[in-house]
Amino acid sequence: MSAHRPVLFEQTLALLAVRAGGTYVDATFGRGGHARGVLERLGPAGRLIAIDRDPQAVAAGRAINDPRFSIDHAPFSELEAVLAAQGAQGIDGVLIDLGVSSPQLDDPARGFSFRQDGPLDMRMDPTRGFSAREWLLSADEVEIAEVLKIYGEERAAVPIARAIAARRHEAGNEALRGTAELAALVAGVLRRRAGRAPLGKDPATRTFQAIRILVNSELEEVATVLQSATDRLNPGGRLVVIAFHSLEDRIVKRFFARESGKGDPADSVRLPRSSSLRGLPPASPEQARPIPRLRLLARVLPDAQEAAANPRARSAVLRGAERLAGVSA
């Protein structure tokens, strides 16, 4: 196993409570840190099905030579299709590690980094969908501002959107060729607004985060996989999620609350008009108080030692729930 330990490694595996002969899903393989931990705990009859939408992650997974392991190239919203193709019926646990992976952030060619110049892409799966640049060149100014405000919680969303529109008008098809250009544009807007006040280390952080979430439909993916995973869990099976962004964690928290009978079925998360999802779909009136399907287990935050050793862990929130017996999907 690699010397690198992923975020909340021991706590995640403890919540997943791997059974030697169980069937498990790692819905975000990444570079396999958590997956290898699951394989270490599985017996000869156990099974681990991994999913990742990133072709590079899938290639890394296919280097694992273990008959108990398989990996599919798919977003985790396609969990149902993957399980059907694998001939898997009920499953005993699903692990979902949300957000962008370190290899994606560290490779300028992927377009996630505002610290190194690269193509303005940001797709977790470069073989599907539209790039960040394609969206920025086609979206109207109001839509851009809305995405930056809601997904990035960026206070300067309106002037940043205005600056992006102005750059498009000035440069036409040559506008926004790389991440450095967008980062500099955002920094320029914030610098003018701040005057002599310090900007902070990375002024483009919120803008890049918002665009990445939009391009990859990240919140829609989360809402879909939570429902699919719960539907497919065996009684006593565990659903374990690590979130790094407040909007992601809010969707997880509200889904867990609703499915455990502790939340408001009509509760939702505000999303931009460009999103195909308006938070979690509310229950119909006759299902206003559905029979609970999940039992809440724990909410875990990184301690000071882990946060110091792994800066990515600082914003992590780990949540777990268990499928109740006697409740149909």
Protein backbone atom coordinates (compact mmCIF):
# COMPACT_ATOMS: atom_id res chain seq x y z
CA MET A 1 0.00 0.00 0.00
CA SER A 2 1.12 3.53 -0.71
CA ALA A 3 2.59 5.46 2.22
CA HIS A 4 0.01 8.18 1.56
CA ARG A 5 -3.14 7.92 3.64
CA PRO A 6 -6.31 9.50 2.31
CA VAL A 7 -8.46 11.86 4.36
CA LEU A 8 -9.97 10.35 7.53
CA PHE A 9 -8.73 6.90 6.52
CA GLU A 10 -9.16 4.96 9.77
CA GLN A 11 -12.38 6.73 10.72
CA THR A 12 -13.88 6.06 7.30
CA LEU A 13 -13.09 2.34 7.37
CA ALA A 14 -14.37 2.06 10.93
CA LEU A 15 -17.71 3.57 9.86
CA LEU A 16 -17.88 1.33 6.80
CA ALA A 17 -17.46 -1.72 9.09
CA VAL A 18 -16.25 -4.04 6.32
CA ARG A 19 -17.52 -7.61 6.54
CA ALA A 20 -15.14 -10.27 5.24
CA GLY A 21 -17.63 -11.74 2.77
CA GLY A 22 -19.47 -8.55 1.86
CA THR A 23 -19.89 -6.65 -1.39
CA TYR A 24 -18.76 -3.02 -1.31
CA VAL A 25 -18.66 -0.03 -3.64
CA ASP A 26 -15.99 2.66 -3.71
CA ALA A 27 -17.84 5.24 -5.78
CA THR A 28 -14.86 7.60 -6.05
CA PHE A 29 -11.73 5.46 -6.48
CA GLY A 30 -9.27 8.31 -7.02
CA ARG A 31 -5.90 6.65 -6.54
CA GLY A 32 -7.27 3.84 -4.40
CA GLY A 33 -6.31 4.80 -0.86
CA HIS A 34 -9.63 3.87 0.72
CA ALA A 35 -10.14 0.99 -1.73
CA ARG A 36 -6.94 -0.71 -0.67
CA GLY A 37 -8.04 -0.36 2.93
CA VAL A 38 -11.31 -2.11 2.09
CA LEU A 39 -9.47 -4.90 0.24
CA GLU A 40 -7.22 -5.47 3.26
CA ARG A 41 -10.32 -6.11 5.36
CA LEU A 42 -12.20 -8.29 2.88
CA GLY A 43 -11.96 -12.07 2.94
CA PRO A 44 -11.56 -14.35 -0.11
CA ALA A 45 -15.31 -14.27 -0.80
CA GLY A 46 -15.58 -10.48 -0.52
CA ARG A 47 -15.98 -8.10 -3.42
CA LEU A 48 -15.13 -4.45 -4.10
CA ILE A 49 -16.64 -2.62 -7.07
CA ALA A 50 -14.93 0.71 -7.77
CA ILE A 51 -16.22 3.58 -9.90
CA ASP A 52 -14.52 6.73 -11.14
CA ARG A 53 -15.35 9.23 -13.86
CA ASP A 54 -11.68 10.17 -14.35
CA PRO A 55 -9.94 8.02 -17.02
CA GLN A 56 -6.58 8.43 -15.24
CA ALA A 57 -8.06 7.10 -11.99
CA VAL A 58 -9.58 4.16 -13.84
CA ALA A 59 -6.20 3.37 -15.41
CA ALA A 60 -4.63 3.40 -11.94
CA GLY A 61 -7.35 1.08 -10.66
CA ARG A 62 -6.85 -1.39 -13.47
CA ALA A 63 -3.29 -1.89 -12.28
CA ILE A 64 -4.67 -3.63 -9.17
CA ASN A 65 -4.44 -7.37 -9.70
CA ASP A 66 -7.02 -8.80 -7.32
CA PRO A 67 -9.89 -11.11 -8.33
CA ARG A 68 -12.09 -9.48 -5.68
CA PHE A 69 -11.74 -6.06 -7.33
CA SER A 70 -13.16 -4.40 -10.44
CA ILE A 71 -13.36 -0.80 -11.62
CA ASP A 72 -15.73 0.93 -14.05
CA HIS A 73 -15.35 4.24 -15.88
CA ALA A 74 -18.52 6.09 -14.92
CA PRO A 75 -19.80 8.98 -12.80
CA PHE A 76 -21.26 7.74 -9.54
CA SER A 77 -24.71 8.86 -10.63
CA GLU A 78 -24.58 5.75 -12.84
CA LEU A 79 -24.20 3.45 -9.84
CA GLU A 80 -27.36 1.50 -10.72
CA ALA A 81 -26.12 0.75 -14.23
CA VAL A 82 -22.69 -0.29 -12.98
CA LEU A 83 -24.15 -2.69 -10.41
CA ALA A 84 -26.47 -4.17 -13.03
CA ALA A 85 -23.57 -4.72 -15.43
CA GLN A 86 -21.55 -6.34 -12.65
CA GLY A 87 -24.43 -8.62 -11.68
CA ALA A 88 -24.43 -7.24 -8.14
CA GLN A 89 -27.71 -7.31 -6.25
CA GLY A 90 -27.69 -5.94 -2.71
CA ILE A 91 -24.50 -4.35 -1.41
CA ASP A 92 -23.11 -4.09 2.11
CA GLY A 93 -21.51 -0.69 1.94
CA VAL A 94 -20.92 2.34 -0.27
CA LEU A 95 -18.10 4.85 0.21
CA ILE A 96 -18.26 8.24 -1.51
CA ASP A 97 -15.29 10.64 -1.22
CA LEU A 98 -16.53 13.86 -2.80
CA GLY A 99 -14.71 16.73 -4.41
CA VAL A 100 -11.62 16.97 -6.59
CA SER A 101 -8.66 14.63 -6.10
CA SER A 102 -5.08 15.69 -5.43
CA PRO A 103 -3.78 14.33 -8.79
CA GLN A 104 -6.41 16.41 -10.59
CA LEU A 105 -5.40 19.54 -8.71
CA ASP A 106 -1.67 18.93 -9.15
CA ASP A 107 -1.75 18.46 -12.94
CA PRO A 108 -1.97 21.87 -14.71
CA ALA A 109 -3.17 20.14 -17.89
CA ARG A 110 -6.45 19.27 -16.16
CA GLY A 111 -7.33 22.94 -15.73
CA PHE A 112 -8.28 22.86 -12.04
CA SER A 113 -5.33 24.88 -10.75
CA PHE A 114 -5.20 28.65 -10.50
CA ARG A 115 -1.58 28.48 -9.33
CA GLN A 116 -0.18 27.00 -12.55
CA ASP A 117 -1.31 27.88 -16.05
CA GLY A 118 -3.14 25.26 -18.07
CA PRO A 119 -6.13 24.87 -20.38
CA LEU A 120 -9.35 26.08 -18.79
CA ASP A 121 -11.02 22.68 -18.67
CA MET A 122 -11.91 21.48 -15.12
CA ARG A 123 -13.75 18.35 -16.27
CA MET A 124 -13.22 15.31 -14.04
CA ASP A 125 -13.97 13.26 -17.16
CA PRO A 126 -12.42 15.03 -20.18
CA THR A 127 -14.24 12.64 -22.52
CA ARG A 128 -17.69 14.00 -21.63
CA GLY A 129 -19.52 17.28 -21.33
CA PHE A 130 -18.35 20.85 -21.78
CA SER A 131 -15.19 22.49 -20.48
CA ALA A 132 -15.06 25.47 -18.14
CA ARG A 133 -13.95 27.69 -21.01
CA GLU A 134 -16.81 26.55 -23.25
CA TRP A 135 -19.29 27.41 -20.52
CA LEU A 136 -17.72 30.78 -19.73
CA LEU A 137 -17.80 31.76 -23.41
CA SER A 138 -21.47 30.81 -23.82
CA ALA A 139 -23.18 31.62 -20.50
CA ASP A 140 -24.77 35.02 -20.00
CA GLU A 141 -23.47 37.44 -17.41
CA VAL A 142 -26.40 36.92 -15.01
CA GLU A 143 -25.96 33.15 -15.08
CA ILE A 144 -22.23 33.40 -14.41
CA ALA A 145 -22.83 35.69 -11.45
CA GLU A 146 -25.46 33.35 -10.05
CA VAL A 147 -23.16 30.32 -10.28
CA LEU A 148 -20.28 32.18 -8.62
CA LYS A 149 -22.52 33.44 -5.83
CA ILE A 150 -24.28 30.14 -5.05
CA TYR A 151 -21.62 27.53 -5.78
CA GLY A 152 -18.63 29.63 -4.75
CA GLU A 153 -20.23 31.88 -2.14
CA GLU A 154 -18.29 34.66 -3.86
CA ARG A 155 -19.34 38.12 -2.66
CA ALA A 156 -17.90 39.77 -5.75
CA ALA A 157 -19.82 37.49 -8.10
CA VAL A 158 -21.47 40.31 -10.05
CA PRO A 159 -18.31 42.35 -10.82
CA ILE A 160 -16.38 39.16 -11.66
CA ALA A 161 -19.11 38.10 -14.09
CA ARG A 162 -19.08 41.59 -15.59
CA ALA A 163 -15.30 41.39 -16.06
CA ILE A 164 -15.60 37.98 -17.73
CA ALA A 165 -18.22 39.35 -20.12
CA ALA A 166 -16.00 42.33 -20.89
CA ARG A 167 -13.03 40.06 -21.62
CA ARG A 168 -15.16 38.03 -24.02
CA HIS A 169 -16.26 41.21 -25.79
CA GLU A 170 -12.67 42.47 -26.10
CA ALA A 171 -10.88 39.24 -27.08
CA GLY A 172 -13.59 37.22 -28.77
CA ASN A 173 -12.52 33.63 -29.46
CA GLU A 174 -9.11 34.30 -27.92
CA ALA A 175 -10.59 35.06 -24.50
CA LEU A 176 -9.97 32.90 -21.45
CA ARG A 177 -7.54 30.47 -23.05
CA GLY A 178 -5.97 29.38 -19.76
CA THR A 179 -6.40 29.18 -16.01
CA ALA A 180 -3.82 31.89 -15.38
CA GLU A 181 -5.83 34.40 -17.41
CA LEU A 182 -9.02 33.71 -15.46
CA ALA A 183 -7.18 33.78 -12.12
CA ALA A 184 -5.57 37.12 -12.97
CA LEU A 185 -8.91 38.56 -14.08
CA VAL A 186 -10.55 37.56 -10.78
CA ALA A 187 -7.62 38.88 -8.75
CA GLY A 188 -7.82 42.18 -10.61
CA VAL A 189 -11.50 42.61 -9.75
CA LEU A 190 -10.96 41.76 -6.09
CA ARG A 191 -7.90 44.00 -5.89
CA ARG A 192 -9.87 46.97 -7.16
CA ARG A 193 -12.62 46.28 -4.63
CA ALA A 194 -10.24 45.75 -1.72
CA GLY A 195 -8.12 48.81 -2.33
CA ARG A 196 -5.13 48.51 -0.04
CA ALA A 197 -6.58 45.68 2.04
CA PRO A 198 -4.85 42.31 1.59
CA LEU A 199 -6.56 39.94 -0.83
CA GLY A 200 -5.63 36.72 0.86
CA LYS A 201 -3.48 33.94 -0.54
CA ASP A 202 -5.63 32.70 -3.43
CA PRO A 203 -8.30 35.22 -4.49
CA ALA A 204 -9.52 32.98 -7.35
CA THR A 205 -10.36 30.03 -5.06
CA ARG A 206 -14.11 30.62 -4.87
CA THR A 207 -14.52 31.35 -8.57
CA PHE A 208 -12.64 28.22 -9.63
CA GLN A 209 -14.57 26.14 -7.12
CA ALA A 210 -17.92 27.39 -8.41
CA ILE A 211 -17.10 26.78 -12.06
CA ARG A 212 -15.73 23.31 -11.31
CA ILE A 213 -18.91 22.34 -9.45
CA LEU A 214 -21.04 23.57 -12.36
CA VAL A 215 -18.99 21.88 -15.10
CA ASN A 216 -19.03 18.52 -13.33
CA SER A 217 -22.67 18.71 -12.10
CA GLU A 218 -21.25 17.81 -8.70
CA LEU A 219 -24.30 18.52 -6.57
CA GLU A 220 -26.66 16.75 -8.96
CA GLU A 221 -24.30 13.75 -8.88
CA VAL A 222 -24.36 13.70 -5.07
CA ALA A 223 -28.15 13.78 -4.82
CA THR A 224 -28.50 10.97 -7.37
CA VAL A 225 -25.92 8.62 -5.87
CA LEU A 226 -27.27 9.02 -2.33
CA GLN A 227 -30.67 7.78 -3.47
CA SER A 228 -29.26 4.94 -5.60
CA ALA A 229 -26.89 3.76 -2.89
CA THR A 230 -29.62 3.70 -0.25
CA ASP A 231 -31.91 1.77 -2.58
CA ARG A 232 -29.29 -0.93 -3.12
CA LEU A 233 -28.00 -1.35 0.44
CA ASN A 234 -28.68 -4.61 2.25
CA PRO A 235 -30.14 -4.35 5.77
CA GLY A 236 -27.25 -3.34 8.01
CA GLY A 237 -25.30 -1.98 5.03
CA ARG A 238 -23.44 1.28 5.49
CA LEU A 239 -23.44 4.50 3.45
CA VAL A 240 -20.34 6.58 4.23
CA VAL A 241 -19.69 10.01 2.68
CA ILE A 242 -16.77 12.45 2.95
CA ALA A 243 -17.65 16.00 1.85
CA PHE A 244 -15.34 19.00 1.53
CA HIS A 245 -17.75 21.72 0.45
CA SER A 246 -20.58 23.15 2.51
CA LEU A 247 -23.18 22.70 -0.24
CA GLU A 248 -22.22 19.05 -0.74
CA ASP A 249 -22.31 18.37 2.97
CA ARG A 250 -25.66 20.12 3.28
CA ILE A 251 -27.16 17.79 0.66
CA VAL A 252 -25.72 14.75 2.47
CA LYS A 253 -26.88 16.00 5.87
CA ARG A 254 -30.42 16.72 4.68
CA PHE A 255 -30.70 13.41 2.80
CA PHE A 256 -29.56 11.48 5.87
CA ALA A 257 -31.97 13.44 8.07
CA ARG A 258 -34.88 12.85 5.71
CA GLU A 259 -34.17 9.13 5.27
CA SER A 260 -33.82 8.66 9.02
CA GLY A 261 -37.15 10.37 9.73
CA LYS A 262 -35.51 13.39 11.36
CA GLY A 263 -35.69 15.98 8.61
CA ASP A 264 -38.21 17.99 6.59
CA PRO A 265 -39.04 16.08 3.38
CA ALA A 266 -39.53 19.36 1.51
CA ASP A 267 -36.14 20.75 2.60
CA SER A 268 -33.89 21.62 -0.32
CA VAL A 269 -30.64 23.34 -1.22
CA ARG A 270 -30.67 26.48 -3.35
CA LEU A 271 -29.04 25.93 -6.75
CA PRO A 272 -28.54 28.16 -9.80
CA ARG A 273 -31.06 28.19 -12.64
CA SER A 274 -28.42 26.46 -14.81
CA SER A 275 -28.70 23.39 -12.59
CA SER A 276 -31.07 20.58 -13.51
CA LEU A 277 -31.63 19.96 -9.81
CA ARG A 278 -33.31 22.21 -7.27
CA GLY A 279 -31.89 20.57 -4.19
CA LEU A 280 -33.23 17.18 -3.13
CA PRO A 281 -36.54 16.41 -4.86
CA PRO A 282 -39.28 17.01 -2.25
CA ALA A 283 -41.48 14.12 -1.26
CA SER A 284 -45.03 13.97 -2.59
CA PRO A 285 -47.81 14.91 -0.11
CA GLU A 286 -48.74 11.28 0.53
CA GLN A 287 -45.09 10.58 1.37
CA ALA A 288 -44.61 13.62 3.57
CA ARG A 289 -43.27 11.45 6.39
CA PRO A 290 -41.71 8.37 4.73
CA ILE A 291 -40.85 5.34 6.83
CA PRO A 292 -37.19 5.76 7.88
CA ARG A 293 -34.73 3.69 5.84
CA LEU A 294 -31.51 4.83 7.50
CA ARG A 295 -30.13 5.00 11.01
CA LEU A 296 -27.67 7.83 11.59
CA LEU A 297 -24.28 6.64 12.82
CA ALA A 298 -21.81 9.49 13.20
CA ARG A 299 -20.48 12.82 12.02
CA VAL A 300 -16.68 12.97 12.19
CA LEU A 301 -14.33 15.92 11.73
CA PRO A 302 -10.53 15.76 11.39
CA ASP A 303 -8.60 16.34 14.58
CA ALA A 304 -5.83 18.92 14.82
CA GLN A 305 -3.12 16.36 14.08
CA GLU A 306 -4.70 15.21 10.80
CA ALA A 307 -5.54 18.74 9.71
CA ALA A 308 -1.92 19.77 10.27
CA ALA A 309 -0.50 16.75 8.45
CA ASN A 310 -2.92 16.94 5.52
CA PRO A 311 -4.22 20.41 4.61
CA ARG A 312 -6.91 18.89 2.35
CA ALA A 313 -8.47 17.30 5.43
CA ARG A 314 -9.21 20.62 7.12
CA SER A 315 -12.63 21.09 5.54
CA ALA A 316 -13.61 17.40 5.49
CA VAL A 317 -16.85 16.19 7.07
CA LEU A 318 -17.40 12.43 7.33
CA ARG A 319 -20.95 11.13 7.78
CA GLY A 320 -22.24 7.60 8.03
CA ALA A 321 -25.63 5.90 8.12
CA GLU A 322 -26.88 2.31 8.23
CA ARG A 323 -29.71 0.73 6.21
CA LEU A 324 -32.55 -0.41 8.41
CA ALA A 325 -34.10 -3.86 8.06
CA GLY A 326 -37.67 -4.48 6.99
CA VAL A 327 -38.05 -1.38 4.80
CA SER A 328 -38.41 -1.84 1.04
CA ALA A 329 -36.43 0.40 -1.31
